[in-house]
Amino acid sequence: MPCLDIPSRLAFVDLETTGANPRTDRITEIGLVLVDGEQVETWSSLVNPGIEISPVISELTGITNAMVESAPAFATLAETVLSRLRERLFIAHNARFDYGFLKQE
């Protein structure tokens, strides 16, 4: 059986958002699991989306307006997130969704 050449630098990404449209909705939480060979690091942050989180989304994600009120805006976290993702294979349960929101931000 052939051996797969899997990159050693991986980024597992998960976002929570205010909805499903990256043009009108915003990120409320970002979580990363970063793999460098045998080393694993986790990083996460709540994000102030700058818009209200609907009760339906709060019920779905468990994230409320009160929880993100004092969280940083994504613009404050952008460089940190980018530096953690740089030169890694981007992996997500729904990569198109998560990548779309990150790209829009």
PDB file of N, CA and C in Angstrom:
ATOM      1  N   MET A   1       0.845  -1.174   0.000  1.00  0.00           N
ATOM      2  CA  MET A   1       0.000   0.000   0.000  1.00  0.00           C
ATOM      3  C   MET A   1       0.894   1.241   0.000  1.00  0.00           C
ATOM      4  N   PRO A   2       0.630   2.213  -0.893  1.00  0.00           N
ATOM      5  CA  PRO A   2       1.471   3.412  -0.951  1.00  0.00           C
ATOM      6  C   PRO A   2       1.308   4.271   0.307  1.00  0.00           C
ATOM      7  N   CYS A   3       2.374   4.926   0.675  1.00  0.00           N
ATOM      8  CA  CYS A   3       2.364   5.820   1.835  1.00  0.00           C
ATOM      9  C   CYS A   3       1.931   7.212   1.388  1.00  0.00           C
ATOM     10  N   LEU A   4       1.000   7.797   2.104  1.00  0.00           N
ATOM     11  CA  LEU A   4       0.557   9.154   1.788  1.00  0.00           C
ATOM     12  C   LEU A   4       1.542  10.156   2.353  1.00  0.00           C
ATOM     13  N   ASP A   5       1.816  11.172   1.602  1.00  0.00           N
ATOM     14  CA  ASP A   5       2.705  12.233   2.058  1.00  0.00           C
ATOM     15  C   ASP A   5       1.859  13.324   2.700  1.00  0.00           C
ATOM     16  N   ILE A   6       1.597  13.179   3.994  1.00  0.00           N
ATOM     17  CA  ILE A   6       0.765  14.134   4.727  1.00  0.00           C
ATOM     18  C   ILE A   6       1.664  15.218   5.307  1.00  0.00           C
ATOM     19  N   PRO A   7       1.332  16.484   5.053  1.00  0.00           N
ATOM     20  CA  PRO A   7       2.145  17.570   5.625  1.00  0.00           C
ATOM     21  C   PRO A   7       2.207  17.471   7.149  1.00  0.00           C
ATOM     22  N   SER A   8       3.316  17.909   7.710  1.00  0.00           N
ATOM     23  CA  SER A   8       3.467  17.837   9.167  1.00  0.00           C
ATOM     24  C   SER A   8       2.907  19.069   9.866  1.00  0.00           C
ATOM     25  N   ARG A   9       2.593  20.135   9.111  1.00  0.00           N
ATOM     26  CA  ARG A   9       2.042  21.358   9.705  1.00  0.00           C
ATOM     27  C   ARG A   9       0.568  21.466   9.307  1.00  0.00           C
ATOM     28  N   LEU A  10      -0.304  21.196  10.290  1.00  0.00           N
ATOM     29  CA  LEU A  10      -1.739  21.170  10.048  1.00  0.00           C
ATOM     30  C   LEU A  10      -2.448  22.190  10.924  1.00  0.00           C
ATOM     31  N   ALA A  11      -3.557  22.707  10.425  1.00  0.00           N
ATOM     32  CA  ALA A  11      -4.410  23.599  11.218  1.00  0.00           C
ATOM     33  C   ALA A  11      -5.846  23.096  11.107  1.00  0.00           C
ATOM     34  N   PHE A  12      -6.369  22.594  12.222  1.00  0.00           N
ATOM     35  CA  PHE A  12      -7.764  22.205  12.296  1.00  0.00           C
ATOM     36  C   PHE A  12      -8.531  23.430  12.785  1.00  0.00           C
ATOM     37  N   VAL A  13      -9.504  23.868  12.002  1.00  0.00           N
ATOM     38  CA  VAL A  13     -10.189  25.141  12.239  1.00  0.00           C
ATOM     39  C   VAL A  13     -11.675  24.901  12.500  1.00  0.00           C
ATOM     40  N   ASP A  14     -12.215  25.616  13.489  1.00  0.00           N
ATOM     41  CA  ASP A  14     -13.656  25.581  13.730  1.00  0.00           C
ATOM     42  C   ASP A  14     -14.114  26.983  14.101  1.00  0.00           C
ATOM     43  N   LEU A  15     -15.155  27.431  13.450  1.00  0.00           N
ATOM     44  CA  LEU A  15     -15.735  28.751  13.725  1.00  0.00           C
ATOM     45  C   LEU A  15     -17.172  28.602  14.187  1.00  0.00           C
ATOM     46  N   GLU A  16     -17.601  29.545  14.996  1.00  0.00           N
ATOM     47  CA  GLU A  16     -19.018  29.765  15.271  1.00  0.00           C
ATOM     48  C   GLU A  16     -19.323  31.142  14.716  1.00  0.00           C
ATOM     49  N   THR A  17     -20.524  31.309  14.185  1.00  0.00           N
ATOM     50  CA  THR A  17     -20.873  32.557  13.520  1.00  0.00           C
ATOM     51  C   THR A  17     -22.298  32.977  13.879  1.00  0.00           C
ATOM     52  N   THR A  18     -22.656  34.189  13.454  1.00  0.00           N
ATOM     53  CA  THR A  18     -24.007  34.699  13.704  1.00  0.00           C
ATOM     54  C   THR A  18     -25.022  34.173  12.691  1.00  0.00           C
ATOM     55  N   GLY A  19     -24.554  33.461  11.684  1.00  0.00           N
ATOM     56  CA  GLY A  19     -25.429  32.915  10.641  1.00  0.00           C
ATOM     57  C   GLY A  19     -24.596  32.227   9.576  1.00  0.00           C
ATOM     58  N   ALA A  20     -25.200  31.999   8.415  1.00  0.00           N
ATOM     59  CA  ALA A  20     -24.552  31.205   7.379  1.00  0.00           C
ATOM     60  C   ALA A  20     -23.981  32.003   6.212  1.00  0.00           C
ATOM     61  N   ASN A  21     -24.184  33.321   6.196  1.00  0.00           N
ATOM     62  CA  ASN A  21     -23.746  34.129   5.059  1.00  0.00           C
ATOM     63  C   ASN A  21     -22.523  34.971   5.441  1.00  0.00           C
ATOM     64  N   PRO A  22     -21.352  34.665   4.869  1.00  0.00           N
ATOM     65  CA  PRO A  22     -20.151  35.419   5.243  1.00  0.00           C
ATOM     66  C   PRO A  22     -20.190  36.903   4.860  1.00  0.00           C
ATOM     67  N   ARG A  23     -21.091  37.289   3.991  1.00  0.00           N
ATOM     68  CA  ARG A  23     -21.193  38.706   3.611  1.00  0.00           C
ATOM     69  C   ARG A  23     -21.979  39.519   4.632  1.00  0.00           C
ATOM     70  N   THR A  24     -22.924  38.879   5.326  1.00  0.00           N
ATOM     71  CA  THR A  24     -23.771  39.632   6.264  1.00  0.00           C
ATOM     72  C   THR A  24     -23.625  39.175   7.707  1.00  0.00           C
ATOM     73  N   ASP A  25     -23.129  37.968   7.905  1.00  0.00           N
ATOM     74  CA  ASP A  25     -22.950  37.442   9.258  1.00  0.00           C
ATOM     75  C   ASP A  25     -21.483  37.543   9.656  1.00  0.00           C
ATOM     76  N   ARG A  26     -21.201  37.324  10.935  1.00  0.00           N
ATOM     77  CA  ARG A  26     -19.847  37.506  11.453  1.00  0.00           C
ATOM     78  C   ARG A  26     -19.450  36.350  12.361  1.00  0.00           C
ATOM     79  N   ILE A  27     -18.165  36.238  12.580  1.00  0.00           N
ATOM     80  CA  ILE A  27     -17.592  35.211  13.450  1.00  0.00           C
ATOM     81  C   ILE A  27     -17.829  35.589  14.913  1.00  0.00           C
ATOM     82  N   THR A  28     -18.211  34.600  15.723  1.00  0.00           N
ATOM     83  CA  THR A  28     -18.381  34.822  17.164  1.00  0.00           C
ATOM     84  C   THR A  28     -17.353  34.040  17.983  1.00  0.00           C
ATOM     85  N   GLU A  29     -16.758  33.022  17.379  1.00  0.00           N
ATOM     86  CA  GLU A  29     -15.713  32.257  18.070  1.00  0.00           C
ATOM     87  C   GLU A  29     -14.847  31.560  17.038  1.00  0.00           C
ATOM     88  N   ILE A  30     -13.555  31.502  17.328  1.00  0.00           N
ATOM     89  CA  ILE A  30     -12.627  30.769  16.479  1.00  0.00           C
ATOM     90  C   ILE A  30     -11.812  29.832  17.350  1.00  0.00           C
ATOM     91  N   GLY A  31     -11.663  28.619  16.888  1.00  0.00           N
ATOM     92  CA  GLY A  31     -10.863  27.630  17.597  1.00  0.00           C
ATOM     93  C   GLY A  31      -9.902  26.971  16.626  1.00  0.00           C
ATOM     94  N   LEU A  32      -8.660  26.800  17.040  1.00  0.00           N
ATOM     95  CA  LEU A  32      -7.629  26.184  16.210  1.00  0.00           C
ATOM     96  C   LEU A  32      -6.944  25.067  16.985  1.00  0.00           C
ATOM     97  N   VAL A  33      -6.664  23.980  16.304  1.00  0.00           N
ATOM     98  CA  VAL A  33      -5.765  22.951  16.805  1.00  0.00           C
ATOM     99  C   VAL A  33      -4.632  22.907  15.791  1.00  0.00           C
ATOM    100  N   LEU A  34      -3.440  23.255  16.247  1.00  0.00           N
ATOM    101  CA  LEU A  34      -2.277  23.358  15.374  1.00  0.00           C
ATOM    102  C   LEU A  34      -1.348  22.177  15.624  1.00  0.00           C
ATOM    103  N   VAL A  35      -0.993  21.490  14.553  1.00  0.00           N
ATOM    104  CA  VAL A  35      -0.143  20.310  14.650  1.00  0.00           C
ATOM    105  C   VAL A  35       1.153  20.578  13.905  1.00  0.00           C
ATOM    106  N   ASP A  36       2.255  20.376  14.604  1.00  0.00           N
ATOM    107  CA  ASP A  36       3.596  20.462  14.027  1.00  0.00           C
ATOM    108  C   ASP A  36       4.281  19.139  14.336  1.00  0.00           C
ATOM    109  N   GLY A  37       4.168  18.183  13.431  1.00  0.00           N
ATOM    110  CA  GLY A  37       4.742  16.873  13.691  1.00  0.00           C
ATOM    111  C   GLY A  37       4.099  16.250  14.911  1.00  0.00           C
ATOM    112  N   GLU A  38       4.886  16.099  15.976  1.00  0.00           N
ATOM    113  CA  GLU A  38       4.390  15.495  17.220  1.00  0.00           C
ATOM    114  C   GLU A  38       3.809  16.519  18.195  1.00  0.00           C
ATOM    115  N   GLN A  39       4.026  17.813  17.932  1.00  0.00           N
ATOM    116  CA  GLN A  39       3.541  18.864  18.834  1.00  0.00           C
ATOM    117  C   GLN A  39       2.135  19.309  18.451  1.00  0.00           C
ATOM    118  N   VAL A  40       1.285  19.473  19.468  1.00  0.00           N
ATOM    119  CA  VAL A  40      -0.092  19.924  19.259  1.00  0.00           C
ATOM    120  C   VAL A  40      -0.353  21.117  20.171  1.00  0.00           C
ATOM    121  N   GLU A  41      -0.904  22.167  19.593  1.00  0.00           N
ATOM    122  CA  GLU A  41      -1.238  23.385  20.347  1.00  0.00           C
ATOM    123  C   GLU A  41      -2.690  23.737  20.049  1.00  0.00           C
ATOM    124  N   THR A  42      -3.407  24.186  21.065  1.00  0.00           N
ATOM    125  CA  THR A  42      -4.770  24.665  20.848  1.00  0.00           C
ATOM    126  C   THR A  42      -4.822  26.162  21.123  1.00  0.00           C
ATOM    127  N   TRP A  43      -5.687  26.842  20.408  1.00  0.00           N
ATOM    128  CA  TRP A  43      -5.882  28.283  20.593  1.00  0.00           C
ATOM    129  C   TRP A  43      -7.338  28.589  20.249  1.00  0.00           C
ATOM    130  N   SER A  44      -7.964  29.431  21.059  1.00  0.00           N
ATOM    131  CA  SER A  44      -9.337  29.836  20.754  1.00  0.00           C
ATOM    132  C   SER A  44      -9.611  31.211  21.333  1.00  0.00           C
ATOM    133  N   SER A  45     -10.624  31.845  20.771  1.00  0.00           N
ATOM    134  CA  SER A  45     -11.051  33.143  21.280  1.00  0.00           C
ATOM    135  C   SER A  45     -12.503  33.381  20.892  1.00  0.00           C
ATOM    136  N   LEU A  46     -13.246  33.963  21.812  1.00  0.00           N
ATOM    137  CA  LEU A  46     -14.538  34.528  21.449  1.00  0.00           C
ATOM    138  C   LEU A  46     -14.244  35.770  20.610  1.00  0.00           C
ATOM    139  N   VAL A  47     -15.184  36.158  19.778  1.00  0.00           N
ATOM    140  CA  VAL A  47     -15.019  37.311  18.894  1.00  0.00           C
ATOM    141  C   VAL A  47     -16.270  38.164  18.987  1.00  0.00           C
ATOM    142  N   ASN A  48     -16.078  39.463  19.173  1.00  0.00           N
ATOM    143  CA  ASN A  48     -17.209  40.387  19.156  1.00  0.00           C
ATOM    144  C   ASN A  48     -17.587  40.611  17.695  1.00  0.00           C
ATOM    145  N   PRO A  49     -18.764  40.139  17.269  1.00  0.00           N
ATOM    146  CA  PRO A  49     -19.120  40.248  15.861  1.00  0.00           C
ATOM    147  C   PRO A  49     -19.560  41.645  15.430  1.00  0.00           C
ATOM    148  N   GLY A  50     -19.840  42.510  16.384  1.00  0.00           N
ATOM    149  CA  GLY A  50     -20.298  43.853  16.032  1.00  0.00           C
ATOM    150  C   GLY A  50     -21.760  43.889  15.603  1.00  0.00           C
ATOM    151  N   ILE A  51     -22.426  42.752  15.639  1.00  0.00           N
ATOM    152  CA  ILE A  51     -23.860  42.670  15.353  1.00  0.00           C
ATOM    153  C   ILE A  51     -24.492  41.747  16.390  1.00  0.00           C
ATOM    154  N   GLU A  52     -25.808  41.826  16.507  1.00  0.00           N
ATOM    155  CA  GLU A  52     -26.521  40.997  17.478  1.00  0.00           C
ATOM    156  C   GLU A  52     -26.500  39.526  17.074  1.00  0.00           C
ATOM    157  N   ILE A  53     -26.403  38.667  18.068  1.00  0.00           N
ATOM    158  CA  ILE A  53     -26.543  37.230  17.858  1.00  0.00           C
ATOM    159  C   ILE A  53     -28.007  36.893  18.127  1.00  0.00           C
ATOM    160  N   SER A  54     -28.661  36.273  17.164  1.00  0.00           N
ATOM    161  CA  SER A  54     -30.083  35.954  17.329  1.00  0.00           C
ATOM    162  C   SER A  54     -30.258  34.860  18.380  1.00  0.00           C
ATOM    163  N   PRO A  55     -31.425  34.820  19.009  1.00  0.00           N
ATOM    164  CA  PRO A  55     -31.703  33.751  19.977  1.00  0.00           C
ATOM    165  C   PRO A  55     -31.542  32.344  19.377  1.00  0.00           C
ATOM    166  N   VAL A  56     -31.891  32.180  18.116  1.00  0.00           N
ATOM    167  CA  VAL A  56     -31.756  30.872  17.455  1.00  0.00           C
ATOM    168  C   VAL A  56     -30.284  30.455  17.393  1.00  0.00           C
ATOM    169  N   ILE A  57     -29.428  31.378  17.020  1.00  0.00           N
ATOM    170  CA  ILE A  57     -27.992  31.082  16.932  1.00  0.00           C
ATOM    171  C   ILE A  57     -27.414  30.869  18.324  1.00  0.00           C
ATOM    172  N   SER A  58     -27.836  31.671  19.304  1.00  0.00           N
ATOM    173  CA  SER A  58     -27.371  31.470  20.686  1.00  0.00           C
ATOM    174  C   SER A  58     -27.750  30.080  21.188  1.00  0.00           C
ATOM    175  N   GLU A  59     -28.952  29.653  20.867  1.00  0.00           N
ATOM    176  CA  GLU A  59     -29.408  28.313  21.259  1.00  0.00           C
ATOM    177  C   GLU A  59     -28.549  27.236  20.585  1.00  0.00           C
ATOM    178  N   LEU A  60     -28.231  27.448  19.325  1.00  0.00           N
ATOM    179  CA  LEU A  60     -27.452  26.480  18.553  1.00  0.00           C
ATOM    180  C   LEU A  60     -25.998  26.392  19.023  1.00  0.00           C
ATOM    181  N   THR A  61     -25.363  27.557  19.262  1.00  0.00           N
ATOM    182  CA  THR A  61     -23.928  27.587  19.565  1.00  0.00           C
ATOM    183  C   THR A  61     -23.607  27.678  21.054  1.00  0.00           C
ATOM    184  N   GLY A  62     -24.572  28.175  21.836  1.00  0.00           N
ATOM    185  CA  GLY A  62     -24.303  28.412  23.252  1.00  0.00           C
ATOM    186  C   GLY A  62     -23.593  29.724  23.508  1.00  0.00           C
ATOM    187  N   ILE A  63     -23.404  30.530  22.472  1.00  0.00           N
ATOM    188  CA  ILE A  63     -22.718  31.820  22.597  1.00  0.00           C
ATOM    189  C   ILE A  63     -23.758  32.932  22.602  1.00  0.00           C
ATOM    190  N   THR A  64     -23.700  33.767  23.631  1.00  0.00           N
ATOM    191  CA  THR A  64     -24.680  34.841  23.784  1.00  0.00           C
ATOM    192  C   THR A  64     -24.045  36.202  23.515  1.00  0.00           C
ATOM    193  N   ASN A  65     -24.906  37.205  23.350  1.00  0.00           N
ATOM    194  CA  ASN A  65     -24.424  38.578  23.172  1.00  0.00           C
ATOM    195  C   ASN A  65     -23.595  39.022  24.376  1.00  0.00           C
ATOM    196  N   ALA A  66     -24.008  38.632  25.565  1.00  0.00           N
ATOM    197  CA  ALA A  66     -23.262  39.012  26.774  1.00  0.00           C
ATOM    198  C   ALA A  66     -21.859  38.411  26.773  1.00  0.00           C
ATOM    199  N   MET A  67     -21.726  37.207  26.255  1.00  0.00           N
ATOM    200  CA  MET A  67     -20.416  36.546  26.237  1.00  0.00           C
ATOM    201  C   MET A  67     -19.420  37.249  25.321  1.00  0.00           C
ATOM    202  N   VAL A  68     -19.890  37.816  24.208  1.00  0.00           N
ATOM    203  CA  VAL A  68     -18.972  38.429  23.236  1.00  0.00           C
ATOM    204  C   VAL A  68     -18.851  39.942  23.405  1.00  0.00           C
ATOM    205  N   GLU A  69     -19.627  40.509  24.310  1.00  0.00           N
ATOM    206  CA  GLU A  69     -19.644  41.966  24.502  1.00  0.00           C
ATOM    207  C   GLU A  69     -18.251  42.543  24.739  1.00  0.00           C
ATOM    208  N   SER A  70     -17.444  41.886  25.557  1.00  0.00           N
ATOM    209  CA  SER A  70     -16.099  42.408  25.845  1.00  0.00           C
ATOM    210  C   SER A  70     -15.001  41.651  25.094  1.00  0.00           C
ATOM    211  N   ALA A  71     -15.388  40.770  24.168  1.00  0.00           N
ATOM    212  CA  ALA A  71     -14.403  40.037  23.363  1.00  0.00           C
ATOM    213  C   ALA A  71     -13.812  40.962  22.300  1.00  0.00           C
ATOM    214  N   PRO A  72     -12.612  40.657  21.813  1.00  0.00           N
ATOM    215  CA  PRO A  72     -12.019  41.484  20.760  1.00  0.00           C
ATOM    216  C   PRO A  72     -12.759  41.323  19.436  1.00  0.00           C
ATOM    217  N   ALA A  73     -12.733  42.363  18.627  1.00  0.00           N
ATOM    218  CA  ALA A  73     -13.242  42.280  17.255  1.00  0.00           C
ATOM    219  C   ALA A  73     -12.277  41.416  16.445  1.00  0.00           C
ATOM    220  N   PHE A  74     -12.765  40.841  15.352  1.00  0.00           N
ATOM    221  CA  PHE A  74     -11.887  39.984  14.556  1.00  0.00           C
ATOM    222  C   PHE A  74     -10.666  40.753  14.059  1.00  0.00           C
ATOM    223  N   ALA A  75     -10.833  42.017  13.711  1.00  0.00           N
ATOM    224  CA  ALA A  75      -9.704  42.812  13.216  1.00  0.00           C
ATOM    225  C   ALA A  75      -8.541  42.815  14.207  1.00  0.00           C
ATOM    226  N   THR A  76      -8.850  42.782  15.489  1.00  0.00           N
ATOM    227  CA  THR A  76      -7.821  42.743  16.527  1.00  0.00           C
ATOM    228  C   THR A  76      -7.092  41.405  16.541  1.00  0.00           C
ATOM    229  N   LEU A  77      -7.795  40.342  16.180  1.00  0.00           N
ATOM    230  CA  LEU A  77      -7.234  38.987  16.203  1.00  0.00           C
ATOM    231  C   LEU A  77      -6.649  38.547  14.864  1.00  0.00           C
ATOM    232  N   ALA A  78      -6.929  39.278  13.805  1.00  0.00           N
ATOM    233  CA  ALA A  78      -6.611  38.837  12.445  1.00  0.00           C
ATOM    234  C   ALA A  78      -5.147  38.449  12.261  1.00  0.00           C
ATOM    235  N   GLU A  79      -4.229  39.262  12.700  1.00  0.00           N
ATOM    236  CA  GLU A  79      -2.809  38.961  12.499  1.00  0.00           C
ATOM    237  C   GLU A  79      -2.400  37.705  13.266  1.00  0.00           C
ATOM    238  N   THR A  80      -2.919  37.548  14.474  1.00  0.00           N
ATOM    239  CA  THR A  80      -2.631  36.346  15.263  1.00  0.00           C
ATOM    240  C   THR A  80      -3.157  35.102  14.548  1.00  0.00           C
ATOM    241  N   VAL A  81      -4.389  35.178  14.055  1.00  0.00           N
ATOM    242  CA  VAL A  81      -4.991  34.042  13.356  1.00  0.00           C
ATOM    243  C   VAL A  81      -4.189  33.732  12.095  1.00  0.00           C
ATOM    244  N   LEU A  82      -3.886  34.755  11.310  1.00  0.00           N
ATOM    245  CA  LEU A  82      -3.136  34.555  10.072  1.00  0.00           C
ATOM    246  C   LEU A  82      -1.770  33.924  10.345  1.00  0.00           C
ATOM    247  N   SER A  83      -1.078  34.408  11.345  1.00  0.00           N
ATOM    248  CA  SER A  83       0.251  33.862  11.632  1.00  0.00           C
ATOM    249  C   SER A  83       0.166  32.403  12.076  1.00  0.00           C
ATOM    250  N   ARG A  84      -0.901  32.027  12.755  1.00  0.00           N
ATOM    251  CA  ARG A  84      -1.068  30.634  13.192  1.00  0.00           C
ATOM    252  C   ARG A  84      -1.455  29.721  12.030  1.00  0.00           C
ATOM    253  N   LEU A  85      -2.160  30.256  11.032  1.00  0.00           N
ATOM    254  CA  LEU A  85      -2.585  29.457   9.884  1.00  0.00           C
ATOM    255  C   LEU A  85      -1.532  29.394   8.773  1.00  0.00           C
ATOM    256  N   ARG A  86      -0.646  30.346   8.736  1.00  0.00           N
ATOM    257  CA  ARG A  86       0.333  30.454   7.648  1.00  0.00           C
ATOM    258  C   ARG A  86       1.135  29.159   7.479  1.00  0.00           C
ATOM    259  N   GLU A  87       1.248  28.730   6.224  1.00  0.00           N
ATOM    260  CA  GLU A  87       2.035  27.557   5.829  1.00  0.00           C
ATOM    261  C   GLU A  87       1.572  26.265   6.487  1.00  0.00           C
ATOM    262  N   ARG A  88       0.255  26.166   6.715  1.00  0.00           N
ATOM    263  CA  ARG A  88      -0.333  24.941   7.262  1.00  0.00           C
ATOM    264  C   ARG A  88      -1.434  24.460   6.320  1.00  0.00           C
ATOM    265  N   LEU A  89      -1.681  23.193   6.354  1.00  0.00           N
ATOM    266  CA  LEU A  89      -2.808  22.629   5.644  1.00  0.00           C
ATOM    267  C   LEU A  89      -4.068  22.963   6.441  1.00  0.00           C
ATOM    268  N   PHE A  90      -5.020  23.646   5.812  1.00  0.00           N
ATOM    269  CA  PHE A  90      -6.273  24.100   6.434  1.00  0.00           C
ATOM    270  C   PHE A  90      -7.263  22.939   6.415  1.00  0.00           C
ATOM    271  N   ILE A  91      -7.696  22.507   7.604  1.00  0.00           N
ATOM    272  CA  ILE A  91      -8.616  21.382   7.728  1.00  0.00           C
ATOM    273  C   ILE A  91      -9.802  21.831   8.574  1.00  0.00           C
ATOM    274  N   ALA A  92     -11.010  21.550   8.083  1.00  0.00           N
ATOM    275  CA  ALA A  92     -12.218  21.915   8.822  1.00  0.00           C
ATOM    276  C   ALA A  92     -13.337  20.967   8.427  1.00  0.00           C
ATOM    277  N   HIS A  93     -14.287  20.790   9.328  1.00  0.00           N
ATOM    278  CA  HIS A  93     -15.451  19.934   9.041  1.00  0.00           C
ATOM    279  C   HIS A  93     -16.178  20.450   7.803  1.00  0.00           C
ATOM    280  N   ASN A  94     -16.359  21.766   7.723  1.00  0.00           N
ATOM    281  CA  ASN A  94     -16.973  22.404   6.562  1.00  0.00           C
ATOM    282  C   ASN A  94     -16.023  23.512   6.110  1.00  0.00           C
ATOM    283  N   ALA A  95     -14.962  23.104   5.439  1.00  0.00           N
ATOM    284  CA  ALA A  95     -13.872  24.031   5.091  1.00  0.00           C
ATOM    285  C   ALA A  95     -14.350  25.210   4.254  1.00  0.00           C
ATOM    286  N   ARG A  96     -15.241  24.979   3.321  1.00  0.00           N
ATOM    287  CA  ARG A  96     -15.734  26.084   2.482  1.00  0.00           C
ATOM    288  C   ARG A  96     -16.417  27.153   3.345  1.00  0.00           C
ATOM    289  N   PHE A  97     -17.209  26.728   4.318  1.00  0.00           N
ATOM    290  CA  PHE A  97     -17.892  27.648   5.231  1.00  0.00           C
ATOM    291  C   PHE A  97     -16.876  28.429   6.061  1.00  0.00           C
ATOM    292  N   ASP A  98     -15.988  27.718   6.772  1.00  0.00           N
ATOM    293  CA  ASP A  98     -15.025  28.378   7.661  1.00  0.00           C
ATOM    294  C   ASP A  98     -14.060  29.268   6.881  1.00  0.00           C
ATOM    295  N   TYR A  99     -13.544  28.771   5.762  1.00  0.00           N
ATOM    296  CA  TYR A  99     -12.620  29.562   4.961  1.00  0.00           C
ATOM    297  C   TYR A  99     -13.318  30.802   4.405  1.00  0.00           C
ATOM    298  N   GLY A 100     -14.572  30.655   3.986  1.00  0.00           N
ATOM    299  CA  GLY A 100     -15.324  31.799   3.460  1.00  0.00           C
ATOM    300  C   GLY A 100     -15.460  32.918   4.480  1.00  0.00           C
ATOM    301  N   PHE A 101     -15.735  32.553   5.728  1.00  0.00           N
ATOM    302  CA  PHE A 101     -15.851  33.570   6.770  1.00  0.00           C
ATOM    303  C   PHE A 101     -14.494  34.213   7.072  1.00  0.00           C
ATOM    304  N   LEU A 102     -13.450  33.415   7.146  1.00  0.00           N
ATOM    305  CA  LEU A 102     -12.115  33.975   7.415  1.00  0.00           C
ATOM    306  C   LEU A 102     -11.683  34.891   6.272  1.00  0.00           C
ATOM    307  N   LYS A 103     -11.921  34.472   5.074  1.00  0.00           N
ATOM    308  CA  LYS A 103     -11.565  35.296   3.899  1.00  0.00           C
ATOM    309  C   LYS A 103     -12.341  36.622   3.890  1.00  0.00           C
ATOM    310  N   GLN A 104     -13.617  36.566   4.219  1.00  0.00           N
ATOM    311  CA  GLN A 104     -14.440  37.786   4.258  1.00  0.00           C
ATOM    312  C   GLN A 104     -13.948  38.739   5.343  1.00  0.00           C
ATOM    313  N   GLU A 105     -13.578  38.194   6.498  1.00  0.00           N
ATOM    314  CA  GLU A 105     -13.076  39.043   7.580  1.00  0.00           C
ATOM    315  C   GLU A 105     -11.748  39.647   7.191  1.00  0.00           C
TER     316      GLU A 105
END
